[in-house]
């Protein structure tokens, strides 16, 4: 009997504890959250004018005109996610439902519309202009009276955006409307700024037997190494009889003519070879993560007829890379040249920042004006957006 009572007590205690855990989970994580699945299907972009090209296997053949207008299948986007993001008093729900494309100041402003946990976990598949992408947005933010924690990772394939960051700040409220914050932020980037592998490769020189400095790999040798071959031809002017020597370029794999002169090849084929070379070289580099101090401010005033919200973030020029090869990092962005990395170069620090504001004023019951905007600089990218206008409502 004693053992049975003990077992019942343990079971009740465990059940109560589990119930409390689920209650806390619901209250802190799920309450006021929204699970969604949404998408869209649209016509793909259609060329306004047809694009025609001349298809010739040999320069002396009668030209054949082909319709080379690019046709794309329909565009689509399918996404699923869960979100819990508070809106400031002046923000309105953009639609009757969520689909994962919404933008809110919770993503950019240091503080939030309420103290506690906010998040968005979003995943989607997208086809745009015939290309398939996998996108995601993971955003977690916790704000209290004296701290701000934010974690974000975002990938948008069609604009080649792949961004990661995590930050922790101490927050100091000054009155009820203003606060300042300071802490540290870790950010990642995939691009090797300033590093152009093909420029370095094609400008590498050696000294020959005569003591002359010559290119190690001229462009035409590199083209041959990349699967193309040239053959000489002579063009004859039918009126004057003048002979002009030139080179025809063919694919080694198919034998197809790809260019009818060196100029044609360098303009229309060689850029693709260079881009492929760069892509392979960049893929060999690991992504970078850098640590830096960050400060910010937030001012928020709201009344039914007037509101003003301003915020700013400033990342100080004291960056330390904690992942990735520092030689190829943003610290060396201006130290690369045709010969590679300059030996006498030194790291160059930089500052990044973002700021934004939203202003609205209702004059009486009919007339209102509003303006909002945001500007940010991250590495070499400068992004800005503004919205402004007036509203008049007939009563």
Protein backbone atom coordinates (compact mmCIF):
# COMPACT_ATOMS: atom_id res chain seq x y z
CA UNK A 1 0.00 0.00 0.00
CA UNK A 2 2.85 2.35 0.88
CA UNK A 3 4.51 1.71 -2.46
CA UNK A 4 1.24 2.39 -4.27
CA UNK A 5 0.82 5.74 -2.50
CA UNK A 6 4.41 6.73 -3.35
CA UNK A 7 3.85 5.73 -6.98
CA UNK A 8 0.66 7.80 -7.15
CA UNK A 9 2.42 10.83 -5.61
CA UNK A 10 5.29 10.54 -8.12
CA UNK A 11 2.85 10.15 -11.01
CA UNK A 12 0.81 13.17 -9.91
CA UNK A 13 3.95 15.23 -9.36
CA UNK A 14 5.33 14.24 -12.77
CA UNK A 15 2.01 14.98 -14.45
CA UNK A 16 1.82 18.36 -12.72
CA UNK A 17 5.40 19.18 -13.71
CA UNK A 18 4.77 18.18 -17.31
CA UNK A 19 1.59 20.21 -17.38
CA UNK A 20 3.48 23.22 -16.03
CA UNK A 21 6.19 22.77 -18.67
CA UNK A 22 3.63 22.66 -21.47
CA UNK A 23 1.79 25.62 -19.95
CA UNK A 24 5.01 27.65 -19.83
CA UNK A 25 5.86 26.57 -23.37
CA UNK A 26 2.47 27.68 -24.61
CA UNK A 27 2.58 30.97 -22.72
CA UNK A 28 6.15 31.91 -23.71
CA UNK A 29 6.38 30.43 -27.19
CA UNK A 30 3.03 29.61 -28.76
CA UNK A 31 0.53 32.06 -27.28
CA UNK A 32 -0.30 34.75 -29.86
CA UNK A 33 1.84 32.89 -32.38
CA UNK A 34 0.59 31.94 -35.85
CA UNK A 35 1.38 28.85 -37.89
CA UNK A 36 0.93 29.44 -41.61
CA UNK A 37 1.36 27.81 -44.99
CA UNK A 38 1.00 30.02 -48.04
CA UNK A 39 2.25 30.64 -51.53
CA UNK A 40 1.61 32.34 -54.83
CA UNK A 41 1.69 31.48 -58.52
CA UNK A 42 2.34 34.12 -61.19
CA UNK A 43 3.04 34.46 -64.86
CA UNK A 44 6.74 34.60 -65.54
CA UNK A 45 8.26 37.70 -67.09
CA UNK A 46 7.69 37.81 -70.83
CA UNK A 47 10.04 39.54 -73.27
CA UNK A 48 8.52 42.63 -74.89
CA UNK A 49 10.40 41.99 -78.14
CA UNK A 50 11.56 38.82 -79.83
CA UNK A 51 15.29 38.06 -79.82
CA UNK A 52 16.72 36.64 -83.04
CA UNK A 53 20.24 35.30 -83.64
CA UNK A 54 22.16 34.00 -86.65
CA UNK A 55 22.96 30.29 -86.37
CA UNK A 56 25.90 29.39 -88.60
CA UNK A 57 28.18 26.38 -88.43
CA UNK A 58 30.61 27.79 -90.95
CA UNK A 59 31.31 31.37 -91.83
CA UNK A 60 30.63 30.76 -95.52
CA UNK A 61 27.25 29.03 -95.04
CA UNK A 62 23.95 30.78 -95.74
CA UNK A 63 22.86 32.28 -92.39
CA UNK A 64 19.93 30.73 -90.58
CA UNK A 65 17.82 32.99 -88.37
CA UNK A 66 16.65 31.44 -85.07
CA UNK A 67 14.18 32.75 -82.52
CA UNK A 68 16.28 32.87 -79.35
CA UNK A 69 13.70 34.56 -77.12
CA UNK A 70 13.98 33.12 -73.64
CA UNK A 71 10.74 31.60 -72.33
CA UNK A 72 10.34 30.84 -68.63
CA UNK A 73 7.86 28.54 -66.89
CA UNK A 74 5.45 30.13 -64.43
CA UNK A 75 6.86 31.60 -61.19
CA UNK A 76 5.76 30.26 -57.83
CA UNK A 77 6.50 30.48 -54.14
CA UNK A 78 5.46 27.97 -51.46
CA UNK A 79 6.29 28.64 -47.82
CA UNK A 80 5.54 27.38 -44.34
CA UNK A 81 6.38 28.87 -40.97
CA UNK A 82 5.45 30.02 -37.53
CA UNK A 83 5.70 33.58 -36.26
CA UNK A 84 5.14 35.67 -33.16
CA UNK A 85 5.99 39.31 -33.83
CA UNK A 86 4.53 42.25 -31.98
CA UNK A 87 3.45 45.35 -33.87
CA UNK A 88 4.07 48.88 -32.68
CA UNK A 89 0.91 50.89 -32.07
CA UNK A 90 1.16 52.67 -35.42
CA UNK A 91 1.73 49.46 -37.39
CA UNK A 92 -1.25 47.71 -38.92
CA UNK A 93 -1.68 44.12 -39.97
CA UNK A 94 -0.97 44.26 -43.70
CA UNK A 95 -3.43 41.52 -44.71
CA UNK A 96 -6.11 39.30 -43.29
CA UNK A 97 -3.60 36.44 -43.20
CA UNK A 98 0.16 35.87 -42.98
CA UNK A 99 2.20 34.43 -45.85
CA UNK A 100 5.80 34.98 -44.67
CA UNK A 101 6.59 38.00 -46.86
CA UNK A 102 5.66 40.62 -44.26
CA UNK A 103 8.25 43.15 -43.10
CA UNK A 104 8.06 44.76 -39.67
CA UNK A 105 10.23 47.08 -37.64
CA UNK A 106 10.76 44.27 -35.14
CA UNK A 107 13.45 43.02 -37.55
CA UNK A 108 15.43 46.29 -37.58
CA UNK A 109 14.68 48.33 -34.44
CA UNK A 110 16.88 47.54 -31.42
CA UNK A 111 13.95 47.25 -29.01
CA UNK A 112 10.49 45.81 -29.51
CA UNK A 113 6.86 46.71 -29.08
CA UNK A 114 6.72 44.52 -25.96
CA UNK A 115 9.12 42.82 -23.60
CA UNK A 116 9.52 39.10 -24.18
CA UNK A 117 10.14 36.59 -26.94
CA UNK A 118 9.50 37.25 -30.63
CA UNK A 119 10.34 35.00 -33.54
CA UNK A 120 9.73 33.95 -37.12
CA UNK A 121 10.76 30.56 -38.49
CA UNK A 122 10.13 30.51 -42.23
CA UNK A 123 11.08 28.11 -45.04
CA UNK A 124 10.08 28.26 -48.69
CA UNK A 125 10.72 26.99 -52.19
CA UNK A 126 10.64 29.46 -55.04
CA UNK A 127 10.94 29.45 -58.81
CA UNK A 128 11.83 32.74 -60.44
CA UNK A 129 12.64 33.17 -64.14
CA UNK A 130 13.07 29.44 -64.55
CA UNK A 131 15.49 29.03 -61.65
CA UNK A 132 14.65 27.17 -58.44
CA UNK A 133 15.70 28.49 -55.04
CA UNK A 134 15.40 27.43 -51.42
CA UNK A 135 14.88 30.37 -49.06
CA UNK A 136 14.62 30.67 -45.30
CA UNK A 137 14.31 33.29 -42.57
CA UNK A 138 15.00 32.44 -38.94
CA UNK A 139 14.55 35.36 -36.56
CA UNK A 140 14.57 35.16 -32.75
CA UNK A 141 14.55 38.19 -30.47
CA UNK A 142 14.15 38.60 -26.74
CA UNK A 143 13.82 42.06 -25.21
CA UNK A 144 13.63 42.97 -21.54
CA UNK A 145 14.16 46.13 -19.56
CA UNK A 146 17.93 45.66 -19.50
CA UNK A 147 18.89 43.32 -22.33
CA UNK A 148 18.37 42.66 -26.04
CA UNK A 149 19.19 39.33 -27.66
CA UNK A 150 18.73 38.78 -31.38
CA UNK A 151 19.54 35.88 -33.69
CA UNK A 152 18.90 36.01 -37.43
CA UNK A 153 19.79 33.97 -40.50
CA UNK A 154 18.27 34.69 -43.88
CA UNK A 155 18.73 33.37 -47.41
CA UNK A 156 17.05 34.77 -50.53
CA UNK A 157 18.40 32.94 -53.54
CA UNK A 158 17.26 35.19 -56.39
CA UNK A 159 19.15 38.21 -55.00
CA UNK A 160 22.08 36.12 -53.71
CA UNK A 161 21.47 37.13 -50.09
CA UNK A 162 22.86 34.87 -47.38
CA UNK A 163 23.05 36.69 -44.06
CA UNK A 164 23.72 35.49 -40.51
CA UNK A 165 24.02 37.47 -37.29
CA UNK A 166 23.73 37.15 -33.52
CA UNK A 167 23.92 39.97 -31.01
CA UNK A 168 23.62 40.57 -27.31
CA UNK A 169 23.30 44.05 -25.81
CA UNK A 170 22.79 45.72 -22.47
CA UNK A 171 19.81 48.07 -22.66
CA UNK A 172 19.45 51.23 -20.59
CA UNK A 173 16.01 52.90 -20.61
CA UNK A 174 16.09 56.68 -20.15
CA UNK A 175 12.58 57.70 -19.30
CA UNK A 176 9.65 55.92 -20.88
CA UNK A 177 10.36 56.75 -24.51
CA UNK A 178 14.10 56.60 -25.05
CA UNK A 179 16.69 53.86 -24.59
CA UNK A 180 20.30 53.22 -25.53
CA UNK A 181 22.05 49.89 -25.87
CA UNK A 182 25.55 48.50 -26.27
CA UNK A 183 26.99 45.05 -26.77
CA UNK A 184 28.56 42.80 -29.38
CA UNK A 185 27.41 41.39 -32.71
CA UNK A 186 28.65 38.42 -34.73
CA UNK A 187 27.92 38.54 -38.47
CA UNK A 188 28.75 36.28 -41.37
CA UNK A 189 29.37 36.88 -45.06
CA UNK A 190 30.15 34.54 -47.97
CA UNK A 191 31.75 37.00 -50.36
CA UNK A 192 35.51 37.53 -50.64
CA UNK A 193 35.44 41.31 -51.10
CA UNK A 194 38.10 42.72 -53.41
CA UNK A 195 39.48 39.31 -54.38
CA UNK A 196 39.29 38.65 -58.15
CA UNK A 197 40.91 35.24 -58.85
CA UNK A 198 40.80 35.44 -62.67
CA UNK A 199 42.46 38.86 -62.71
CA UNK A 200 45.33 37.54 -60.59
CA UNK A 201 45.64 34.36 -62.67
CA UNK A 202 45.71 36.07 -66.07
CA UNK A 203 48.20 38.72 -64.92
CA UNK A 204 50.70 36.30 -63.38
CA UNK A 205 54.10 36.65 -65.07
CA UNK A 206 57.28 34.60 -65.43
CA UNK A 207 60.78 35.34 -66.76
CA UNK A 208 61.69 33.46 -69.94
CA UNK A 209 65.12 32.22 -71.05
CA UNK A 210 65.89 35.61 -72.59
CA UNK A 211 65.28 37.33 -69.26
CA UNK A 212 62.01 38.87 -70.44
CA UNK A 213 58.98 39.09 -68.21
CA UNK A 214 56.02 37.52 -69.98
CA UNK A 215 52.53 36.35 -69.06
CA UNK A 216 52.53 32.86 -67.61
CA UNK A 217 49.11 32.02 -69.08
CA UNK A 218 47.92 34.28 -71.93
CA UNK A 219 44.16 34.49 -72.41
CA UNK A 220 44.16 32.27 -75.52
CA UNK A 221 46.10 29.53 -73.70
CA UNK A 222 43.61 29.70 -70.84
CA UNK A 223 40.78 29.42 -73.38
CA UNK A 224 42.39 26.29 -74.83
CA UNK A 225 42.75 24.84 -71.33
CA UNK A 226 39.04 25.54 -70.80
CA UNK A 227 37.86 23.40 -73.72
CA UNK A 228 38.08 25.61 -76.82
CA UNK A 229 40.37 25.54 -79.86
CA UNK A 230 41.12 28.03 -82.58
CA UNK A 231 41.79 27.58 -86.28
CA UNK A 232 42.92 30.20 -88.78
CA UNK A 233 40.82 31.34 -91.72
CA UNK A 234 41.18 34.04 -94.32
CA UNK A 235 38.29 36.36 -95.14
CA UNK A 236 38.32 37.71 -98.72
CA UNK A 237 36.65 40.98 -99.61
CA UNK A 238 34.66 40.13 -102.79
CA UNK A 239 34.97 43.68 -104.15
CA UNK A 240 38.61 44.48 -103.45
CA UNK A 241 40.08 40.99 -103.12
CA UNK A 242 41.72 42.04 -99.86
CA UNK A 243 42.52 39.12 -97.57
CA UNK A 244 41.99 39.39 -93.81
CA UNK A 245 43.37 36.63 -91.56
CA UNK A 246 41.22 35.72 -88.55
CA UNK A 247 40.60 32.87 -86.10
CA UNK A 248 37.49 30.75 -85.70
CA UNK A 249 36.86 29.30 -82.23
CA UNK A 250 35.25 25.90 -81.70
CA UNK A 251 34.24 23.81 -78.74
CA UNK A 252 36.60 20.85 -78.35
CA UNK A 253 33.77 18.72 -77.02
CA UNK A 254 31.20 19.26 -79.78
CA UNK A 255 33.19 20.81 -82.60
CA UNK A 256 30.59 23.57 -82.80
CA UNK A 257 31.71 27.04 -83.86
CA UNK A 258 31.25 29.43 -80.93
CA UNK A 259 32.94 32.56 -82.34
CA UNK A 260 34.11 33.82 -85.72
CA UNK A 261 36.91 36.06 -84.51
CA UNK A 262 39.07 36.69 -81.47
CA UNK A 263 37.01 39.77 -80.70
CA UNK A 264 33.78 37.78 -80.92
CA UNK A 265 35.22 35.11 -78.62
CA UNK A 266 36.53 37.57 -76.03
CA UNK A 267 33.24 39.46 -75.95
CA UNK A 268 30.69 36.62 -75.95
CA UNK A 269 32.40 33.42 -74.75
CA UNK A 270 35.41 34.36 -72.65
CA UNK A 271 33.37 36.19 -69.94
CA UNK A 272 31.57 32.93 -69.15
CA UNK A 273 34.92 31.12 -68.81
CA UNK A 274 36.21 33.80 -66.44
CA UNK A 275 33.05 33.72 -64.31
CA UNK A 276 33.25 29.93 -64.01
CA UNK A 277 36.89 30.19 -62.94
CA UNK A 278 36.00 32.75 -60.26
CA UNK A 279 33.07 30.69 -59.01
CA UNK A 280 35.30 27.64 -58.52
CA UNK A 281 37.96 29.69 -56.73
CA UNK A 282 35.42 31.38 -54.42
CA UNK A 283 33.76 28.03 -53.61
CA UNK A 284 37.07 26.82 -52.17
CA UNK A 285 36.93 29.51 -49.47
CA UNK A 286 35.06 28.99 -46.20
CA UNK A 287 32.46 31.57 -45.07
CA UNK A 288 33.59 34.34 -42.72
CA UNK A 289 32.30 35.36 -39.29
CA UNK A 290 33.33 38.61 -37.67
CA UNK A 291 32.85 39.96 -34.14
CA UNK A 292 32.45 43.68 -33.42
CA UNK A 293 31.01 46.04 -30.77
CA UNK A 294 27.62 47.56 -31.50
CA UNK A 295 25.68 50.48 -30.00
CA UNK A 296 22.18 51.72 -30.68
CA UNK A 297 19.30 53.92 -29.64
CA UNK A 298 15.52 53.80 -29.84
CA UNK A 299 12.97 56.60 -29.36
CA UNK A 300 9.24 55.89 -29.45
CA UNK A 301 6.35 58.30 -28.97
CA UNK A 302 2.76 57.41 -29.81
CA UNK A 303 -0.55 59.21 -29.58
CA UNK A 304 -3.67 58.49 -31.59
CA UNK A 305 -3.11 61.59 -33.74
CA UNK A 306 0.69 61.71 -33.81
CA UNK A 307 3.54 59.24 -33.59
CA UNK A 308 7.28 59.33 -34.05
CA UNK A 309 9.62 56.35 -33.92
CA UNK A 310 13.35 56.65 -34.60
CA UNK A 311 16.13 54.12 -34.13
CA UNK A 312 19.73 53.58 -35.08
CA UNK A 313 22.52 50.99 -34.89
CA UNK A 314 26.23 51.60 -35.27
CA UNK A 315 28.85 48.85 -35.57
CA UNK A 316 32.20 50.23 -34.44
CA UNK A 317 35.40 49.87 -36.53
CA UNK A 318 36.89 47.20 -34.28
CA UNK A 319 36.23 44.00 -36.22
CA UNK A 320 37.82 40.66 -35.35
CA UNK A 321 37.34 37.64 -37.60
CA UNK A 322 36.58 34.43 -35.72
CA UNK A 323 36.00 32.19 -38.76
CA UNK A 324 37.27 32.12 -42.35
CA UNK A 325 40.66 32.98 -43.85
CA UNK A 326 41.46 36.51 -42.68
CA UNK A 327 43.58 37.13 -45.78
CA UNK A 328 40.41 37.08 -47.91
CA UNK A 329 38.25 38.93 -45.38
CA UNK A 330 36.73 42.39 -45.69
CA UNK A 331 39.72 43.78 -43.81
CA UNK A 332 41.76 43.19 -47.00
CA UNK A 333 39.11 44.42 -49.46
CA UNK A 334 41.35 47.20 -50.87
CA UNK A 335 44.62 45.27 -50.75
CA UNK A 336 44.09 43.01 -53.77
CA UNK A 337 45.40 43.86 -57.21
CA UNK A 338 46.41 42.24 -60.49
CA UNK A 339 49.40 40.65 -58.80
CA UNK A 340 47.46 39.33 -55.83
CA UNK A 341 47.62 40.52 -52.24
CA UNK A 342 50.14 43.31 -51.74
CA UNK A 343 52.88 42.25 -49.35
CA UNK A 344 53.09 45.65 -47.65
CA UNK A 345 49.34 45.86 -47.07
CA UNK A 346 47.68 46.26 -43.68
CA UNK A 347 44.16 45.59 -42.47
CA UNK A 348 41.61 48.37 -42.94
CA UNK A 349 38.81 48.64 -40.39
CA UNK A 350 35.35 49.93 -41.28
CA UNK A 351 32.03 51.04 -39.81
CA UNK A 352 28.56 49.72 -40.61
CA UNK A 353 25.32 51.30 -39.54
CA UNK A 354 21.56 51.46 -39.99
CA UNK A 355 18.93 53.95 -38.98
CA UNK A 356 15.25 54.49 -39.61
CA UNK A 357 12.26 56.58 -38.66
CA UNK A 358 8.48 56.55 -38.91
CA UNK A 359 6.33 59.66 -38.59
CA UNK A 360 2.57 60.07 -38.78
CA UNK A 361 0.19 62.96 -38.10
CA UNK A 362 -3.59 62.95 -38.25
CA UNK A 363 -5.13 66.38 -38.72
CA UNK A 364 -8.71 66.15 -37.59
CA UNK A 365 -10.79 63.15 -38.57
CA UNK A 366 -10.21 63.35 -42.31
CA UNK A 367 -6.64 64.22 -43.19
CA UNK A 368 -3.38 62.46 -42.36
CA UNK A 369 0.23 62.48 -43.48
CA UNK A 370 2.90 59.84 -42.99
CA UNK A 371 6.52 59.15 -43.84
CA UNK A 372 8.89 56.35 -42.98
CA UNK A 373 12.24 55.14 -44.19
CA UNK A 374 15.26 53.02 -43.41
CA UNK A 375 18.87 53.16 -44.55
CA UNK A 376 21.61 50.65 -43.85
CA UNK A 377 25.19 49.98 -44.86
CA UNK A 378 26.62 46.48 -44.52
CA UNK A 379 30.08 45.88 -45.98
CA UNK A 380 29.84 47.10 -49.59
CA UNK A 381 26.04 47.07 -49.71
CA UNK A 382 23.94 50.17 -49.15
CA UNK A 383 20.21 49.60 -48.83
CA UNK A 384 17.45 52.12 -48.40
CA UNK A 385 13.69 52.35 -48.70
CA UNK A 386 11.25 55.17 -48.08
CA UNK A 387 7.49 55.53 -48.04
CA UNK A 388 5.51 58.74 -47.71
CA UNK A 389 2.09 60.05 -48.58
CA UNK A 390 -1.15 61.66 -47.51
CA UNK A 391 -4.59 60.22 -46.73
CA UNK A 392 -7.94 61.94 -46.96
CA UNK A 393 -11.05 60.11 -45.80
CA UNK A 394 -14.56 61.26 -46.64
CA UNK A 395 -16.88 61.17 -43.65
